[in-house]
Amino acid sequence: MKALIVYDSGYGNTEKIARAIGSAITGDVQVLRVGEANPSRLESLDMLIIGSPTYGGRPTPAIQEFLSGISEAAIKGIKVAAFDTRLSTKWVGVFGYAAGKIAESLKVKGATLISPPAAFFVKGKEGPLKEGEIERAASWAKEITR
């Protein structure tokens, strides 16, 4: 399987999750920060996973720009999944979360969503990740690539 994991990370928490996901997938797997990834070069992929911290109910501006740069032709038929890092406090949910918006953007362009958007939790705005989130990310990756 040829997979690409694209992420953005403000405090390193989303990067840790992305790397845990990448390590759990067998095959030709690349884990790239969003600035290193090219949205027009996705055609040879079997799977694309995109992750972002949730900022104001959305993915980061860099992830939003990456998503805007993906053409329907480039993503059509590719299996995709989305994840985010977020606080677990209830009031944060009023604005929504990054993963759902990422998944919807990819689905609208013709990608095949293989999993509901995944959430991984941080203890505070800057983290760290809650206990067990790295292991849960690896488990999620294995589950969606079966």
N, C-alpha and C. Protein backbone atom coordinates (compact mmCIF):
# COMPACT_ATOMS: atom_id res chain seq x y z
N MET A 1 0.84 -1.17 0.00
CA MET A 1 0.00 0.00 0.00
C MET A 1 0.89 1.24 0.00
N LYS A 2 0.51 2.21 -0.82
CA LYS A 2 1.22 3.49 -0.86
C LYS A 2 0.35 4.52 -0.16
N ALA A 3 0.84 5.01 0.98
CA ALA A 3 0.05 5.94 1.79
C ALA A 3 0.84 7.21 2.07
N LEU A 4 0.09 8.31 2.17
CA LEU A 4 0.67 9.59 2.54
C LEU A 4 -0.12 10.15 3.70
N ILE A 5 0.60 10.56 4.74
CA ILE A 5 -0.02 11.23 5.87
C ILE A 5 0.47 12.67 5.85
N VAL A 6 -0.47 13.59 5.73
CA VAL A 6 -0.15 15.02 5.70
C VAL A 6 -0.72 15.62 6.98
N TYR A 7 0.10 16.40 7.68
CA TYR A 7 -0.35 16.98 8.94
C TYR A 7 0.17 18.40 9.09
N ASP A 8 -0.47 19.14 9.97
CA ASP A 8 0.07 20.39 10.46
C ASP A 8 0.06 20.28 11.97
N SER A 9 0.95 21.00 12.63
CA SER A 9 1.05 20.87 14.08
C SER A 9 1.58 22.18 14.65
N GLY A 10 0.87 22.69 15.63
CA GLY A 10 1.30 23.93 16.26
C GLY A 10 2.26 23.69 17.42
N TYR A 11 2.00 22.68 18.23
CA TYR A 11 2.80 22.42 19.43
C TYR A 11 3.42 21.03 19.44
N GLY A 12 3.34 20.32 18.30
CA GLY A 12 3.95 19.00 18.19
C GLY A 12 3.04 17.83 18.50
N ASN A 13 1.84 18.08 19.01
CA ASN A 13 0.94 16.99 19.37
C ASN A 13 0.38 16.28 18.14
N THR A 14 -0.05 17.04 17.15
CA THR A 14 -0.60 16.45 15.93
C THR A 14 0.50 15.72 15.17
N GLU A 15 1.71 16.24 15.21
CA GLU A 15 2.83 15.56 14.57
C GLU A 15 3.07 14.19 15.21
N LYS A 16 3.01 14.13 16.54
CA LYS A 16 3.20 12.84 17.23
C LYS A 16 2.13 11.83 16.81
N ILE A 17 0.91 12.29 16.68
CA ILE A 17 -0.19 11.40 16.25
C ILE A 17 0.06 10.95 14.80
N ALA A 18 0.43 11.88 13.93
CA ALA A 18 0.69 11.54 12.51
C ALA A 18 1.80 10.51 12.40
N ARG A 19 2.85 10.68 13.17
CA ARG A 19 3.97 9.73 13.11
C ARG A 19 3.59 8.37 13.67
N ALA A 20 2.76 8.34 14.70
CA ALA A 20 2.28 7.06 15.24
C ALA A 20 1.42 6.34 14.20
N ILE A 21 0.60 7.08 13.49
CA ILE A 21 -0.23 6.50 12.43
C ILE A 21 0.66 5.95 11.32
N GLY A 22 1.64 6.75 10.89
CA GLY A 22 2.56 6.31 9.84
C GLY A 22 3.34 5.07 10.22
N SER A 23 3.77 4.98 11.46
CA SER A 23 4.54 3.81 11.92
C SER A 23 3.70 2.55 11.99
N ALA A 24 2.39 2.70 12.13
CA ALA A 24 1.51 1.54 12.27
C ALA A 24 1.05 0.98 10.93
N ILE A 25 1.28 1.70 9.84
CA ILE A 25 0.84 1.26 8.51
C ILE A 25 2.00 0.59 7.80
N THR A 26 1.73 -0.59 7.23
CA THR A 26 2.78 -1.27 6.48
C THR A 26 2.72 -0.85 5.01
N GLY A 27 3.87 -0.89 4.37
CA GLY A 27 3.95 -0.52 2.97
C GLY A 27 4.79 0.72 2.78
N ASP A 28 4.58 1.39 1.66
CA ASP A 28 5.30 2.61 1.31
C ASP A 28 4.55 3.79 1.93
N VAL A 29 5.01 4.25 3.08
CA VAL A 29 4.30 5.28 3.84
C VAL A 29 5.19 6.50 4.02
N GLN A 30 4.64 7.66 3.69
CA GLN A 30 5.33 8.93 3.94
C GLN A 30 4.51 9.74 4.91
N VAL A 31 5.19 10.40 5.85
CA VAL A 31 4.55 11.32 6.79
C VAL A 31 5.18 12.68 6.54
N LEU A 32 4.37 13.63 6.06
CA LEU A 32 4.88 14.95 5.68
C LEU A 32 4.13 16.08 6.35
N ARG A 33 4.88 17.07 6.81
CA ARG A 33 4.25 18.31 7.26
C ARG A 33 3.62 18.95 6.03
N VAL A 34 2.51 19.62 6.21
CA VAL A 34 1.72 20.13 5.10
C VAL A 34 2.53 20.95 4.09
N GLY A 35 3.49 21.71 4.54
CA GLY A 35 4.30 22.53 3.63
C GLY A 35 5.20 21.72 2.71
N GLU A 36 5.45 20.46 3.06
CA GLU A 36 6.29 19.57 2.25
C GLU A 36 5.49 18.76 1.24
N ALA A 37 4.19 18.76 1.35
CA ALA A 37 3.32 17.93 0.50
C ALA A 37 2.80 18.73 -0.69
N ASN A 38 2.64 18.06 -1.81
CA ASN A 38 2.14 18.70 -3.02
C ASN A 38 0.74 18.17 -3.33
N PRO A 39 -0.28 19.02 -3.23
CA PRO A 39 -1.65 18.54 -3.43
C PRO A 39 -1.95 18.08 -4.86
N SER A 40 -1.09 18.41 -5.81
CA SER A 40 -1.33 17.98 -7.19
C SER A 40 -0.65 16.65 -7.51
N ARG A 41 0.03 16.05 -6.55
CA ARG A 41 0.74 14.80 -6.79
C ARG A 41 0.20 13.68 -5.92
N LEU A 42 -1.07 13.38 -6.06
CA LEU A 42 -1.70 12.37 -5.22
C LEU A 42 -2.14 11.14 -6.00
N GLU A 43 -2.11 11.21 -7.32
CA GLU A 43 -2.70 10.16 -8.16
C GLU A 43 -2.16 8.76 -7.89
N SER A 44 -0.91 8.62 -7.52
CA SER A 44 -0.33 7.28 -7.34
C SER A 44 -0.59 6.69 -5.96
N LEU A 45 -1.31 7.42 -5.11
CA LEU A 45 -1.56 6.94 -3.75
C LEU A 45 -2.71 5.95 -3.68
N ASP A 46 -2.61 5.05 -2.72
CA ASP A 46 -3.75 4.19 -2.36
C ASP A 46 -4.55 4.85 -1.25
N MET A 47 -3.84 5.60 -0.38
CA MET A 47 -4.50 6.20 0.78
C MET A 47 -3.86 7.53 1.14
N LEU A 48 -4.72 8.47 1.51
CA LEU A 48 -4.29 9.78 1.99
C LEU A 48 -4.96 10.01 3.35
N ILE A 49 -4.15 10.34 4.35
CA ILE A 49 -4.66 10.66 5.68
C ILE A 49 -4.20 12.08 6.01
N ILE A 50 -5.13 12.92 6.41
CA ILE A 50 -4.80 14.31 6.71
C ILE A 50 -5.20 14.61 8.15
N GLY A 51 -4.30 15.28 8.88
CA GLY A 51 -4.57 15.64 10.25
C GLY A 51 -4.18 17.06 10.58
N SER A 52 -4.93 17.64 11.49
CA SER A 52 -4.71 19.03 11.89
C SER A 52 -5.16 19.24 13.33
N PRO A 53 -4.52 20.18 14.01
CA PRO A 53 -5.12 20.60 15.27
C PRO A 53 -6.41 21.36 14.95
N THR A 54 -7.31 21.40 15.88
CA THR A 54 -8.53 22.17 15.70
C THR A 54 -8.29 23.58 16.21
N TYR A 55 -8.40 24.55 15.31
CA TYR A 55 -8.26 25.97 15.66
C TYR A 55 -9.56 26.67 15.31
N GLY A 56 -10.27 27.14 16.31
CA GLY A 56 -11.52 27.85 16.05
C GLY A 56 -12.53 27.00 15.29
N GLY A 57 -12.53 25.69 15.56
CA GLY A 57 -13.48 24.79 14.91
C GLY A 57 -13.07 24.34 13.52
N ARG A 58 -11.87 24.70 13.10
CA ARG A 58 -11.42 24.39 11.74
C ARG A 58 -10.00 23.81 11.74
N PRO A 59 -9.61 23.27 10.58
CA PRO A 59 -8.20 22.90 10.42
C PRO A 59 -7.35 24.18 10.34
N THR A 60 -6.06 24.04 10.46
CA THR A 60 -5.17 25.20 10.34
C THR A 60 -5.28 25.81 8.94
N PRO A 61 -4.93 27.07 8.77
CA PRO A 61 -4.94 27.68 7.43
C PRO A 61 -4.09 26.91 6.43
N ALA A 62 -2.95 26.37 6.85
CA ALA A 62 -2.10 25.61 5.93
C ALA A 62 -2.80 24.36 5.42
N ILE A 63 -3.51 23.66 6.29
CA ILE A 63 -4.27 22.47 5.86
C ILE A 63 -5.41 22.89 4.95
N GLN A 64 -6.10 23.97 5.28
CA GLN A 64 -7.19 24.45 4.42
C GLN A 64 -6.67 24.79 3.02
N GLU A 65 -5.49 25.41 2.96
CA GLU A 65 -4.89 25.74 1.66
C GLU A 65 -4.53 24.47 0.89
N PHE A 66 -3.98 23.48 1.58
CA PHE A 66 -3.64 22.20 0.96
C PHE A 66 -4.90 21.56 0.38
N LEU A 67 -5.96 21.53 1.17
CA LEU A 67 -7.23 20.95 0.71
C LEU A 67 -7.77 21.68 -0.51
N SER A 68 -7.66 23.00 -0.53
CA SER A 68 -8.12 23.79 -1.67
C SER A 68 -7.33 23.47 -2.93
N GLY A 69 -6.07 23.08 -2.75
CA GLY A 69 -5.21 22.78 -3.89
C GLY A 69 -5.40 21.39 -4.47
N ILE A 70 -6.20 20.55 -3.82
CA ILE A 70 -6.46 19.20 -4.33
C ILE A 70 -7.55 19.25 -5.37
N SER A 71 -7.25 18.78 -6.56
CA SER A 71 -8.26 18.75 -7.61
C SER A 71 -9.08 17.46 -7.51
N GLU A 72 -10.26 17.50 -8.10
CA GLU A 72 -11.10 16.30 -8.13
C GLU A 72 -10.39 15.18 -8.86
N ALA A 73 -9.69 15.51 -9.93
CA ALA A 73 -8.98 14.49 -10.71
C ALA A 73 -7.88 13.83 -9.88
N ALA A 74 -7.21 14.60 -9.04
CA ALA A 74 -6.11 14.07 -8.24
C ALA A 74 -6.58 13.15 -7.12
N ILE A 75 -7.77 13.39 -6.58
CA ILE A 75 -8.22 12.66 -5.39
C ILE A 75 -9.27 11.58 -5.69
N LYS A 76 -9.89 11.65 -6.85
CA LYS A 76 -11.00 10.74 -7.17
C LYS A 76 -10.59 9.28 -6.99
N GLY A 77 -11.36 8.57 -6.16
CA GLY A 77 -11.13 7.15 -5.96
C GLY A 77 -10.08 6.80 -4.92
N ILE A 78 -9.35 7.79 -4.41
CA ILE A 78 -8.34 7.50 -3.39
C ILE A 78 -9.03 7.34 -2.04
N LYS A 79 -8.59 6.35 -1.28
CA LYS A 79 -9.11 6.16 0.07
C LYS A 79 -8.54 7.25 0.96
N VAL A 80 -9.41 7.86 1.77
CA VAL A 80 -8.97 8.95 2.64
C VAL A 80 -9.51 8.77 4.05
N ALA A 81 -8.79 9.39 4.99
CA ALA A 81 -9.22 9.45 6.37
C ALA A 81 -8.72 10.78 6.94
N ALA A 82 -9.38 11.24 7.99
CA ALA A 82 -9.00 12.51 8.61
C ALA A 82 -8.96 12.36 10.12
N PHE A 83 -8.06 13.12 10.73
CA PHE A 83 -8.00 13.14 12.19
C PHE A 83 -7.66 14.55 12.66
N ASP A 84 -7.95 14.79 13.91
CA ASP A 84 -7.54 16.06 14.50
C ASP A 84 -7.10 15.84 15.93
N THR A 85 -6.47 16.87 16.48
CA THR A 85 -6.20 16.92 17.90
C THR A 85 -7.08 18.04 18.44
N ARG A 86 -7.58 17.82 19.65
CA ARG A 86 -8.54 18.77 20.23
C ARG A 86 -8.57 18.66 21.74
N LEU A 87 -9.13 19.69 22.33
CA LEU A 87 -9.43 19.67 23.76
C LEU A 87 -10.70 18.87 23.96
N SER A 88 -10.87 18.30 25.13
CA SER A 88 -12.08 17.51 25.37
C SER A 88 -13.16 18.29 26.11
N THR A 89 -12.95 19.57 26.34
CA THR A 89 -13.97 20.37 27.02
C THR A 89 -15.19 20.57 26.13
N LYS A 90 -16.35 20.60 26.74
CA LYS A 90 -17.60 20.66 25.98
C LYS A 90 -17.79 21.94 25.18
N TRP A 91 -17.41 23.10 25.72
CA TRP A 91 -17.68 24.35 25.01
C TRP A 91 -16.92 24.47 23.69
N VAL A 92 -15.81 23.74 23.56
CA VAL A 92 -15.03 23.78 22.32
C VAL A 92 -15.86 23.24 21.14
N GLY A 93 -16.71 22.24 21.41
CA GLY A 93 -17.51 21.61 20.37
C GLY A 93 -18.54 22.50 19.70
N VAL A 94 -18.80 23.65 20.26
CA VAL A 94 -19.76 24.59 19.68
C VAL A 94 -19.36 24.96 18.25
N PHE A 95 -18.07 25.08 18.00
CA PHE A 95 -17.58 25.53 16.70
C PHE A 95 -17.29 24.38 15.73
N GLY A 96 -17.35 23.15 16.20
CA GLY A 96 -17.02 22.01 15.37
C GLY A 96 -15.55 21.65 15.51
N TYR A 97 -15.11 20.72 14.69
CA TYR A 97 -13.75 20.22 14.79
C TYR A 97 -13.12 20.11 13.42
N ALA A 98 -11.80 20.09 13.38
CA ALA A 98 -11.05 20.06 12.12
C ALA A 98 -11.30 18.79 11.30
N ALA A 99 -11.29 17.63 11.94
CA ALA A 99 -11.36 16.36 11.20
C ALA A 99 -12.62 16.25 10.34
N GLY A 100 -13.74 16.65 10.88
CA GLY A 100 -14.98 16.57 10.10
C GLY A 100 -14.94 17.46 8.87
N LYS A 101 -14.37 18.63 9.01
CA LYS A 101 -14.27 19.56 7.87
C LYS A 101 -13.28 19.04 6.82
N ILE A 102 -12.19 18.43 7.29
CA ILE A 102 -11.22 17.82 6.36
C ILE A 102 -11.89 16.69 5.58
N ALA A 103 -12.56 15.80 6.30
CA ALA A 103 -13.22 14.65 5.67
C ALA A 103 -14.25 15.10 4.64
N GLU A 104 -15.05 16.08 5.00
CA GLU A 104 -16.09 16.56 4.09
C GLU A 104 -15.48 17.17 2.84
N SER A 105 -14.42 17.94 2.98
CA SER A 105 -13.74 18.55 1.84
C SER A 105 -13.23 17.49 0.87
N LEU A 106 -12.65 16.42 1.40
CA LEU A 106 -12.13 15.35 0.55
C LEU A 106 -13.25 14.56 -0.11
N LYS A 107 -14.29 14.29 0.65
CA LYS A 107 -15.43 13.51 0.13
C LYS A 107 -16.13 14.25 -1.01
N VAL A 108 -16.31 15.54 -0.85
CA VAL A 108 -16.97 16.35 -1.88
C VAL A 108 -16.19 16.31 -3.20
N LYS A 109 -14.88 16.15 -3.11
CA LYS A 109 -14.04 16.12 -4.31
C LYS A 109 -13.96 14.73 -4.95
N GLY A 110 -14.61 13.74 -4.33
CA GLY A 110 -14.66 12.41 -4.94
C GLY A 110 -13.80 11.35 -4.29
N ALA A 111 -13.16 11.68 -3.18
CA ALA A 111 -12.37 10.68 -2.47
C ALA A 111 -13.30 9.69 -1.77
N THR A 112 -12.76 8.54 -1.42
CA THR A 112 -13.52 7.51 -0.72
C THR A 112 -13.16 7.55 0.76
N LEU A 113 -14.08 8.04 1.56
CA LEU A 113 -13.86 8.13 3.00
C LEU A 113 -13.96 6.73 3.61
N ILE A 114 -12.88 6.27 4.26
CA ILE A 114 -12.85 4.89 4.76
C ILE A 114 -13.10 4.78 6.26
N SER A 115 -13.24 5.91 6.92
CA SER A 115 -13.44 5.90 8.36
C SER A 115 -14.08 7.21 8.79
N PRO A 116 -14.91 7.18 9.82
CA PRO A 116 -15.38 8.45 10.36
C PRO A 116 -14.16 9.25 10.85
N PRO A 117 -14.25 10.57 10.85
CA PRO A 117 -13.13 11.38 11.33
C PRO A 117 -12.75 10.99 12.76
N ALA A 118 -11.45 10.95 13.02
CA ALA A 118 -10.95 10.53 14.33
C ALA A 118 -10.47 11.73 15.13
N ALA A 119 -10.66 11.65 16.44
CA ALA A 119 -10.23 12.71 17.35
C ALA A 119 -9.23 12.16 18.35
N PHE A 120 -8.17 12.92 18.57
CA PHE A 120 -7.17 12.58 19.58
C PHE A 120 -7.07 13.79 20.51
N PHE A 121 -6.97 13.53 21.79
CA PHE A 121 -7.17 14.59 22.78
C PHE A 121 -5.88 15.07 23.44
N VAL A 122 -5.83 16.38 23.65
CA VAL A 122 -4.73 17.03 24.37
C VAL A 122 -5.25 17.53 25.71
N LYS A 123 -4.35 17.67 26.66
CA LYS A 123 -4.73 18.10 28.01
C LYS A 123 -4.95 19.60 28.11
N GLY A 124 -4.28 20.37 27.31
CA GLY A 124 -4.42 21.83 27.33
C GLY A 124 -4.17 22.36 25.93
N LYS A 125 -4.31 23.64 25.75
CA LYS A 125 -4.15 24.24 24.42
C LYS A 125 -2.83 23.81 23.77
N GLU A 126 -1.76 23.75 24.56
CA GLU A 126 -0.46 23.38 24.01
C GLU A 126 -0.11 21.90 24.26
N GLY A 127 -1.03 21.17 24.86
CA GLY A 127 -0.77 19.77 25.14
C GLY A 127 -0.29 19.62 26.57
N PRO A 128 0.22 18.49 26.91
CA PRO A 128 0.57 17.36 26.05
C PRO A 128 -0.65 16.52 25.69
N LEU A 129 -0.39 15.49 24.89
CA LEU A 129 -1.45 14.54 24.57
C LEU A 129 -1.90 13.84 25.84
N LYS A 130 -3.17 13.48 25.88
CA LYS A 130 -3.67 12.68 27.01
C LYS A 130 -3.03 11.30 26.95
N GLU A 131 -2.97 10.64 28.09
CA GLU A 131 -2.40 9.29 28.18
C GLU A 131 -3.09 8.35 27.20
N GLY A 132 -2.29 7.55 26.50
CA GLY A 132 -2.83 6.51 25.63
C GLY A 132 -3.19 6.96 24.23
N GLU A 133 -3.07 8.25 23.93
CA GLU A 133 -3.48 8.72 22.60
C GLU A 133 -2.55 8.24 21.48
N ILE A 134 -1.26 8.15 21.74
CA ILE A 134 -0.31 7.64 20.73
C ILE A 134 -0.68 6.20 20.37
N GLU A 135 -0.93 5.39 21.38
CA GLU A 135 -1.30 3.99 21.15
C GLU A 135 -2.66 3.89 20.44
N ARG A 136 -3.58 4.75 20.81
CA ARG A 136 -4.90 4.75 20.17
C ARG A 136 -4.78 5.14 18.70
N ALA A 137 -3.87 6.07 18.39
CA ALA A 137 -3.65 6.48 16.99
C ALA A 137 -3.10 5.31 16.17
N ALA A 138 -2.15 4.59 16.73
CA ALA A 138 -1.58 3.43 16.03
C ALA A 138 -2.65 2.36 15.80
N SER A 139 -3.47 2.15 16.80
CA SER A 139 -4.56 1.18 16.69
C SER A 139 -5.57 1.60 15.61
N TRP A 140 -5.91 2.88 15.58
CA TRP A 140 -6.83 3.41 14.57
C TRP A 140 -6.25 3.19 13.17
N ALA A 141 -4.97 3.46 13.01
CA ALA A 141 -4.31 3.28 11.70
C ALA A 141 -4.39 1.83 11.23
N LYS A 142 -4.13 0.90 12.13
CA LYS A 142 -4.20 -0.52 11.77
C LYS A 142 -5.63 -0.91 11.39
N GLU A 143 -6.58 -0.37 12.12
CA GLU A 143 -7.99 -0.66 11.86
C GLU A 143 -8.44 -0.18 10.48
N ILE A 144 -8.06 1.03 10.11
CA ILE A 144 -8.54 1.59 8.84
C ILE A 144 -7.80 1.05 7.63
N THR A 145 -6.66 0.39 7.85
CA THR A 145 -5.90 -0.15 6.72
C THR A 145 -6.07 -1.65 6.54
N ARG A 146 -6.98 -2.26 7.25
CA ARG A 146 -7.24 -3.70 7.11
C ARG A 146 -7.81 -4.02 5.75
